[in-house]
Protein backbone atom coordinates (compact mmCIF):
# COMPACT_ATOMS: atom_id res chain seq x y z
CA MET A 1 -14.67 -0.07 24.95
CA SER A 2 -12.99 2.14 22.37
CA ASN A 3 -13.15 2.56 18.62
CA VAL A 4 -10.27 1.25 16.52
CA PRO A 5 -9.70 1.19 12.73
CA LEU A 6 -10.59 -2.03 10.92
CA THR A 7 -9.58 -2.31 7.26
CA LEU A 8 -11.37 -4.86 5.09
CA LEU A 9 -9.65 -5.93 1.84
CA PHE A 10 -11.41 -7.73 -1.01
CA SER A 11 -10.07 -9.78 -3.91
CA ASP A 12 -11.06 -7.18 -6.53
CA GLY A 13 -8.71 -4.66 -4.89
CA ALA A 14 -11.45 -2.75 -3.08
CA SER A 15 -10.93 -1.89 0.56
CA ARG A 16 -13.09 -0.44 3.31
CA ARG A 17 -11.68 1.29 6.38
CA ILE A 18 -14.27 1.34 9.16
CA LEU A 19 -14.36 1.84 12.92
CA ALA A 20 -14.99 -1.12 15.19
CA GLN A 21 -15.54 -1.26 18.91
CA THR A 22 -13.02 -3.36 20.79
CA GLY A 23 -14.67 -6.66 21.61
CA GLN A 24 -16.95 -6.48 18.58
CA THR A 25 -16.80 -9.29 16.02
CA VAL A 26 -15.57 -8.49 12.53
CA VAL A 27 -18.97 -9.49 11.12
CA ASP A 28 -20.87 -7.19 13.49
CA ALA A 29 -18.53 -4.25 12.91
CA ALA A 30 -18.90 -4.64 9.15
CA ALA A 31 -22.70 -4.85 9.47
CA GLU A 32 -22.80 -1.57 11.38
CA ALA A 33 -20.85 -0.01 8.52
CA GLY A 34 -23.38 -1.32 5.97
CA LEU A 35 -21.40 -4.34 4.78
CA GLY A 36 -22.84 -7.85 4.71
CA LEU A 37 -19.87 -10.20 4.96
CA LEU A 38 -20.47 -13.77 3.83
CA THR A 39 -21.52 -15.83 6.84
CA ASP A 40 -23.98 -18.58 7.74
CA CYS A 41 -23.89 -20.24 11.16
CA SER A 42 -22.53 -17.18 13.05
CA ASN A 43 -20.95 -19.41 15.71
CA GLY A 44 -17.76 -20.78 14.18
CA GLN A 45 -19.21 -24.04 12.93
CA CYS A 46 -19.39 -23.71 9.13
CA GLY A 47 -16.34 -21.85 7.80
CA THR A 48 -18.31 -19.57 5.44
CA CYS A 49 -16.80 -16.44 6.99
CA VAL A 50 -13.15 -17.54 6.84
CA ALA A 51 -10.70 -14.74 6.03
CA SER A 52 -7.02 -13.86 6.53
CA LEU A 53 -5.77 -11.62 9.31
CA VAL A 54 -3.12 -9.58 7.49
CA SER A 55 -2.16 -7.25 10.30
CA GLY A 56 -3.10 -6.70 13.93
CA ARG A 57 -4.70 -9.10 16.39
CA VAL A 58 -8.14 -10.48 17.10
CA GLU A 59 -9.45 -12.75 19.83
CA LEU A 60 -11.13 -15.91 18.58
CA GLY A 61 -14.12 -17.29 20.44
CA LYS A 62 -15.17 -20.94 20.35
CA TYR A 63 -15.10 -22.60 16.95
CA ASP A 64 -14.92 -26.03 15.33
CA ARG A 65 -11.25 -26.89 14.68
CA ALA A 66 -12.30 -29.15 11.84
CA VAL A 67 -13.58 -25.98 10.14
CA LEU A 68 -10.45 -23.97 10.97
CA PRO A 69 -7.48 -26.34 11.43
CA ASP A 70 -4.64 -25.22 13.65
CA SER A 71 -2.30 -25.15 10.63
CA ASP A 72 -4.56 -22.65 8.84
CA ARG A 73 -4.91 -20.61 12.01
CA ALA A 74 -1.13 -20.45 12.34
CA GLU A 75 -0.96 -18.96 8.83
CA GLY A 76 -3.41 -16.18 9.75
CA ALA A 77 -6.82 -17.65 8.92
CA ILE A 78 -9.70 -16.49 11.13
CA LEU A 79 -13.47 -16.96 11.33
CA CYS A 80 -14.98 -13.49 11.25
CA CYS A 81 -18.16 -14.42 13.11
CA VAL A 82 -16.21 -15.34 16.27
CA SER A 83 -13.18 -13.05 15.86
CA ARG A 84 -13.38 -10.09 18.21
CA VAL A 85 -11.37 -6.98 17.43
CA THR A 86 -8.78 -6.12 20.08
CA GLY A 87 -6.98 -3.31 18.28
CA PRO A 88 -6.30 -1.85 14.81
CA CYS A 89 -6.27 -4.66 12.26
CA VAL A 90 -6.56 -5.56 8.60
CA VAL A 91 -8.60 -8.51 7.33
CA GLU A 92 -8.51 -9.85 3.76
CA PHE A 93 -11.35 -11.76 2.05
CA GLY A 94 -11.25 -14.15 -0.88
CA TYR A 95 -14.20 -12.53 -2.65
CA ASP A 96 -15.13 -9.24 -4.29
CA ALA A 97 -16.60 -6.29 -2.44
CA ALA A 98 -19.80 -6.72 -4.46
CA GLU A 99 -20.41 -10.04 -2.71
CA ALA A 100 -20.35 -8.21 0.59
CA MET A 101 -23.35 -6.25 -0.67
CA ALA A 102 -21.21 -3.15 -0.67
CA GLU A 103 -21.47 -0.41 -3.22
CA GLU A 104 -18.50 1.71 -4.15
CA ALA A 105 -18.64 4.97 -2.25
CA PRO A 106 -19.32 8.01 -4.44
CA PRO A 107 -16.14 9.70 -5.67
CA MET A 108 -14.60 12.54 -3.73
CA ILE A 109 -14.22 15.87 -5.51
CA GLY A 110 -10.84 17.52 -5.53
CA LYS A 111 -8.95 20.34 -7.19
CA VAL A 112 -5.53 20.25 -8.77
CA LYS A 113 -3.38 22.25 -6.38
CA ALA A 114 0.03 21.75 -8.00
CA LEU A 115 1.49 20.12 -11.08
CA GLU A 116 5.24 20.03 -11.59
CA GLN A 117 7.73 18.04 -13.62
CA VAL A 118 10.19 16.73 -11.03
CA ALA A 119 12.36 14.42 -13.14
CA ARG A 120 12.71 13.12 -16.65
CA GLU A 121 9.31 11.58 -17.59
CA THR A 122 7.88 12.14 -14.09
CA VAL A 123 5.45 14.74 -12.78
CA MET A 124 4.21 15.47 -9.27
CA LEU A 125 0.44 15.94 -9.08
CA GLU A 126 -1.05 17.38 -5.88
CA ILE A 127 -4.81 17.28 -5.37
CA GLU A 128 -6.63 19.13 -2.61
CA LEU A 129 -9.80 17.65 -1.11
CA GLU A 130 -12.30 19.13 1.31
CA GLN A 131 -11.60 16.44 3.91
CA GLY A 132 -8.63 14.29 4.79
CA VAL A 133 -8.45 10.78 3.35
CA GLU A 134 -7.64 7.82 5.59
CA PHE A 135 -5.69 5.00 3.94
CA GLN A 136 -3.17 2.28 4.64
CA PRO A 137 0.31 3.54 3.62
CA GLY A 138 0.98 2.04 0.20
CA GLN A 139 -2.62 1.98 -1.07
CA TYR A 140 -3.82 3.75 -4.21
CA VAL A 141 -6.85 5.66 -5.46
CA ARG A 142 -8.39 6.00 -8.91
CA ILE A 143 -8.37 9.46 -10.48
CA ARG A 144 -10.27 10.95 -13.39
CA PRO A 145 -10.72 14.52 -14.61
CA GLU A 146 -14.23 15.88 -14.24
CA GLY A 147 -16.41 14.94 -17.20
CA GLU A 148 -14.21 12.03 -18.30
CA GLU A 149 -15.17 8.35 -18.20
CA GLN A 150 -11.73 6.75 -17.81
CA TRP A 151 -9.97 6.26 -14.49
CA ARG A 152 -6.27 5.86 -13.75
CA SER A 153 -4.81 4.40 -10.54
CA TYR A 154 -1.95 5.97 -8.57
CA SER A 155 -0.49 5.45 -5.10
CA MET A 156 -0.43 8.22 -2.53
CA ALA A 157 3.01 9.47 -1.50
CA GLY A 158 2.10 11.29 1.73
CA LEU A 159 0.59 10.67 5.13
CA SER A 160 -2.84 9.20 5.72
CA GLY A 161 -5.45 11.70 6.90
CA GLU A 162 -4.19 14.68 4.92
CA LYS A 163 -6.42 16.79 2.66
CA ASN A 164 -3.69 17.19 0.06
CA LEU A 165 -2.88 13.98 -1.82
CA ARG A 166 0.47 13.85 -3.64
CA PHE A 167 1.18 11.52 -6.56
CA TYR A 168 4.25 10.85 -8.69
CA ILE A 169 3.21 9.90 -12.20
CA ARG A 170 5.27 8.58 -15.08
CA LEU A 171 4.58 10.34 -18.36
CA VAL A 172 3.82 7.87 -21.14
CA ASP A 173 4.07 8.97 -24.77
CA GLY A 174 0.55 9.01 -26.19
CA GLY A 175 -0.98 7.96 -22.88
CA TRP A 176 -4.44 9.39 -22.28
CA PHE A 177 -3.81 10.62 -18.73
CA SER A 178 -0.26 11.74 -19.56
CA THR A 179 -1.63 13.83 -22.42
CA TRP A 180 -4.21 15.39 -20.09
CA LEU A 181 -1.49 16.22 -17.56
CA GLN A 182 0.75 17.81 -20.17
CA GLN A 183 -1.80 19.65 -22.30
CA THR A 184 -4.86 20.39 -20.17
CA ALA A 185 -4.39 20.02 -16.42
CA ALA A 186 -3.66 23.12 -14.36
CA PRO A 187 -4.17 24.32 -10.78
CA GLY A 188 -7.88 24.70 -10.09
CA PHE A 189 -9.05 21.91 -12.40
CA THR A 190 -11.61 19.56 -10.86
CA VAL A 191 -10.95 15.83 -10.56
CA GLU A 192 -12.76 12.88 -9.02
CA ILE A 193 -11.03 10.56 -6.56
CA SER A 194 -12.16 7.06 -5.59
CA GLU A 195 -11.89 5.65 -2.09
CA PRO A 196 -8.54 3.94 -1.33
CA HIS A 197 -7.89 0.46 -2.74
CA GLY A 198 -5.25 -2.23 -2.64
CA SER A 199 -3.61 -4.85 -0.45
CA PHE A 200 -0.06 -3.56 -1.04
CA PHE A 201 0.46 -1.60 2.15
CA LEU A 202 2.73 -1.39 5.17
CA ARG A 203 2.37 -4.31 7.58
CA ASP A 204 2.64 -3.67 11.32
CA GLU A 205 5.37 -6.20 12.11
CA ASP A 206 8.43 -6.52 14.32
CA ARG A 207 10.82 -7.65 11.58
CA PRO A 208 13.32 -6.02 9.21
CA ARG A 209 11.96 -4.35 6.08
CA LEU A 210 13.38 -4.17 2.57
CA PHE A 211 11.68 -1.80 0.12
CA VAL A 212 12.62 -2.09 -3.57
CA ALA A 213 11.25 0.59 -5.90
CA GLY A 214 11.42 0.89 -9.66
CA GLY A 215 10.70 4.33 -11.13
CA THR A 216 7.49 5.87 -9.80
CA GLY A 217 7.05 2.72 -7.74
CA LEU A 218 8.81 4.84 -5.13
CA ALA A 219 5.55 6.69 -4.37
CA PRO A 220 3.91 4.14 -2.03
CA PHE A 221 7.20 3.70 -0.18
CA LEU A 222 7.31 7.43 0.54
CA ALA A 223 3.93 7.03 2.26
CA MET A 224 5.17 4.00 4.21
CA LEU A 225 8.39 5.70 5.28
CA ALA A 226 6.58 8.87 6.34
CA ALA A 227 4.32 6.79 8.58
CA LEU A 228 7.26 4.85 10.05
CA ALA A 229 9.29 8.01 10.67
CA ASN A 230 6.54 9.25 13.00
CA ASN A 231 6.75 6.08 15.11
CA GLU A 232 9.72 5.72 17.46
CA ALA A 233 9.30 1.96 17.88
CA ALA A 234 9.03 1.46 14.10
CA ARG A 235 12.23 3.45 13.52
CA ALA A 236 14.13 0.98 15.69
CA ILE A 237 13.49 -1.83 13.18
CA PRO A 238 16.14 -2.14 10.41
CA THR A 239 14.74 -0.67 7.20
CA MET A 240 16.35 -0.34 3.79
CA LEU A 241 15.09 1.31 0.62
CA LEU A 242 16.55 0.45 -2.80
CA ILE A 243 15.55 2.80 -5.63
CA GLY A 244 16.10 2.04 -9.30
CA ALA A 245 15.62 4.31 -12.30
CA ARG A 246 16.31 4.28 -16.02
CA SER A 247 18.88 7.06 -15.59
CA GLY A 248 20.13 9.47 -13.00
CA ALA A 249 17.86 12.11 -14.52
CA HIS A 250 14.84 9.91 -13.78
CA LEU A 251 15.44 9.95 -10.01
CA PHE A 252 13.10 12.17 -7.98
CA ALA A 253 11.97 13.07 -4.43
CA SER A 254 15.53 13.72 -3.25
CA ASP A 255 14.35 16.43 -0.83
CA GLU A 256 11.77 14.10 0.74
CA LEU A 257 14.32 11.34 1.09
CA GLU A 258 16.84 13.67 2.67
CA ALA A 259 14.22 14.88 5.17
CA LEU A 260 13.41 11.28 6.03
CA ARG A 261 17.07 10.47 6.61
CA GLU A 262 17.48 13.51 8.85
CA ALA A 263 14.48 12.43 10.95
CA TRP A 264 15.52 8.77 10.83
CA PRO A 265 19.33 8.47 10.62
CA GLU A 266 19.21 4.66 10.75
CA LEU A 267 17.20 4.48 7.51
CA GLU A 268 19.37 3.13 4.68
CA VAL A 269 18.71 4.39 1.15
CA ARG A 270 20.63 3.19 -1.91
CA LEU A 271 20.18 4.35 -5.48
CA ALA A 272 20.75 2.67 -8.83
CA ALA A 273 20.50 3.96 -12.39
CA GLU A 274 20.76 1.98 -15.60
CA ALA A 275 22.42 4.91 -17.40
CA GLU A 276 23.92 8.28 -16.52
CA PRO A 277 24.31 7.42 -12.83
CA THR A 278 24.87 10.24 -10.39
CA SER A 279 27.91 10.16 -8.11
CA ASP A 280 26.06 8.29 -5.35
CA CYS A 281 24.40 5.73 -7.67
CA HIS A 282 25.11 2.13 -8.48
CA GLU A 283 25.26 1.73 -12.26
CA GLY A 284 22.74 -0.98 -13.04
CA TYR A 285 19.54 -2.18 -11.46
CA ALA A 286 18.32 -1.73 -7.90
CA THR A 287 17.72 -5.46 -7.75
CA ASP A 288 21.48 -5.98 -8.30
CA LEU A 289 22.05 -4.66 -4.78
CA ILE A 290 20.01 -7.33 -3.02
CA ALA A 291 22.63 -10.10 -3.21
CA ALA A 292 25.17 -8.16 -1.14
CA LEU A 293 22.81 -7.13 1.68
CA ASP A 294 23.29 -10.16 3.96
CA ALA A 295 19.61 -9.76 4.84
CA ASP A 296 18.04 -11.22 7.96
CA PRO A 297 15.97 -14.28 6.85
CA ARG A 298 12.96 -12.76 8.67
CA THR A 299 12.95 -9.70 6.41
CA ARG A 300 9.65 -8.60 4.88
CA VAL A 301 10.27 -7.62 1.26
CA TYR A 302 8.14 -5.03 -0.54
CA LEU A 303 8.56 -4.69 -4.33
CA CYS A 304 6.87 -2.02 -6.44
CA GLY A 305 7.54 -1.16 -10.08
CA PRO A 306 7.29 -2.55 -13.61
CA PRO A 307 6.54 -6.30 -13.81
CA ALA A 308 10.04 -7.26 -15.02
CA MET A 309 11.65 -5.37 -12.16
CA VAL A 310 9.33 -6.92 -9.57
CA GLU A 311 10.04 -10.44 -10.81
CA ALA A 312 13.79 -9.77 -10.90
CA GLY A 313 13.54 -8.51 -7.34
CA ARG A 314 11.65 -11.59 -6.21
CA GLN A 315 14.26 -13.87 -7.74
CA ALA A 316 17.16 -11.91 -6.27
CA ALA A 317 15.58 -11.86 -2.81
CA GLN A 318 14.89 -15.57 -2.94
CA ALA A 319 18.47 -16.26 -4.06
CA ALA A 320 19.59 -14.22 -1.03
CA GLY A 321 17.73 -16.62 1.26
CA LEU A 322 14.48 -14.70 1.72
CA SER A 323 11.13 -16.46 1.49
CA ARG A 324 8.72 -15.71 -1.36
CA ARG A 325 5.93 -15.96 1.20
CA ASP A 326 7.36 -12.86 2.86
CA MET A 327 7.28 -10.77 -0.32
CA LEU A 328 4.56 -8.25 -1.16
CA CYS A 329 4.41 -7.08 -4.77
CA GLU A 330 2.76 -4.22 -6.66
CA ARG A 331 3.19 -4.20 -10.45
CA PHE A 332 2.31 -1.49 -12.94
CA ASN A 333 3.03 -0.70 -16.56
């Protein structure tokens, strides 16, 4: 037996990344990590422990098919009490983490390592922690300055496991965290970081990928692309990134994107700006570009950005023949 990562996602956005032994049931692995998943019969006869297998594979033992119909199973439903882990996987539950008798882990303490304005209305915040943070590419953490009560949520833009977490943050006039970044924050300042959260993350699938980013919604895609670029098999799968911004001056991370394209020549990146487009930009919205892609109907679509942009992207992708069931969305204001 060997240990493999098992990520548990809850409906309140909380997630727990634990280690499970291959052959261990999801319920038993969670119990060893201090989590009490909802269950009753423990032998696949009641359906209390039903959940969704989002990524990876498990081996189901005997269970009552009236409790878990074949149609539900085909759509990813599993019974955690009889589902044995066979490799890295992600399981999503229809209830809050609190119902799993799980308390939020205490915040991690970090220091501001770098703070730089990288584009119009966008800053890069880098926070150094004592230990590396494991997360699913695309997830976010909550951040608050030491001594403050309010939290703000931002997606990581780098690789999982690193001690330095990088964030791209849109500056909002009068915003509490934006004001702190502009007037108070400096290298050396102490901040608190929550454990990773969120179900918007890179799926391990053998199908084309379409990433559509609006503004700082690019950040989680940088984490996803960095992870894919380190995987030869993943690089062989067609992947396209569409980036939209309010103007050419709002575009950022050009050096990171260029490094990704050098390491992964097959990666397609297209830019769009509503105003002041640069020479290599489409003038308009990133979602305008979807109609002309001739996308494979199997494509998994990831959309991250302001709500209006995400909805426009969903409609454009659906009009292009892609299924709404294959779209993952992350909205922010």
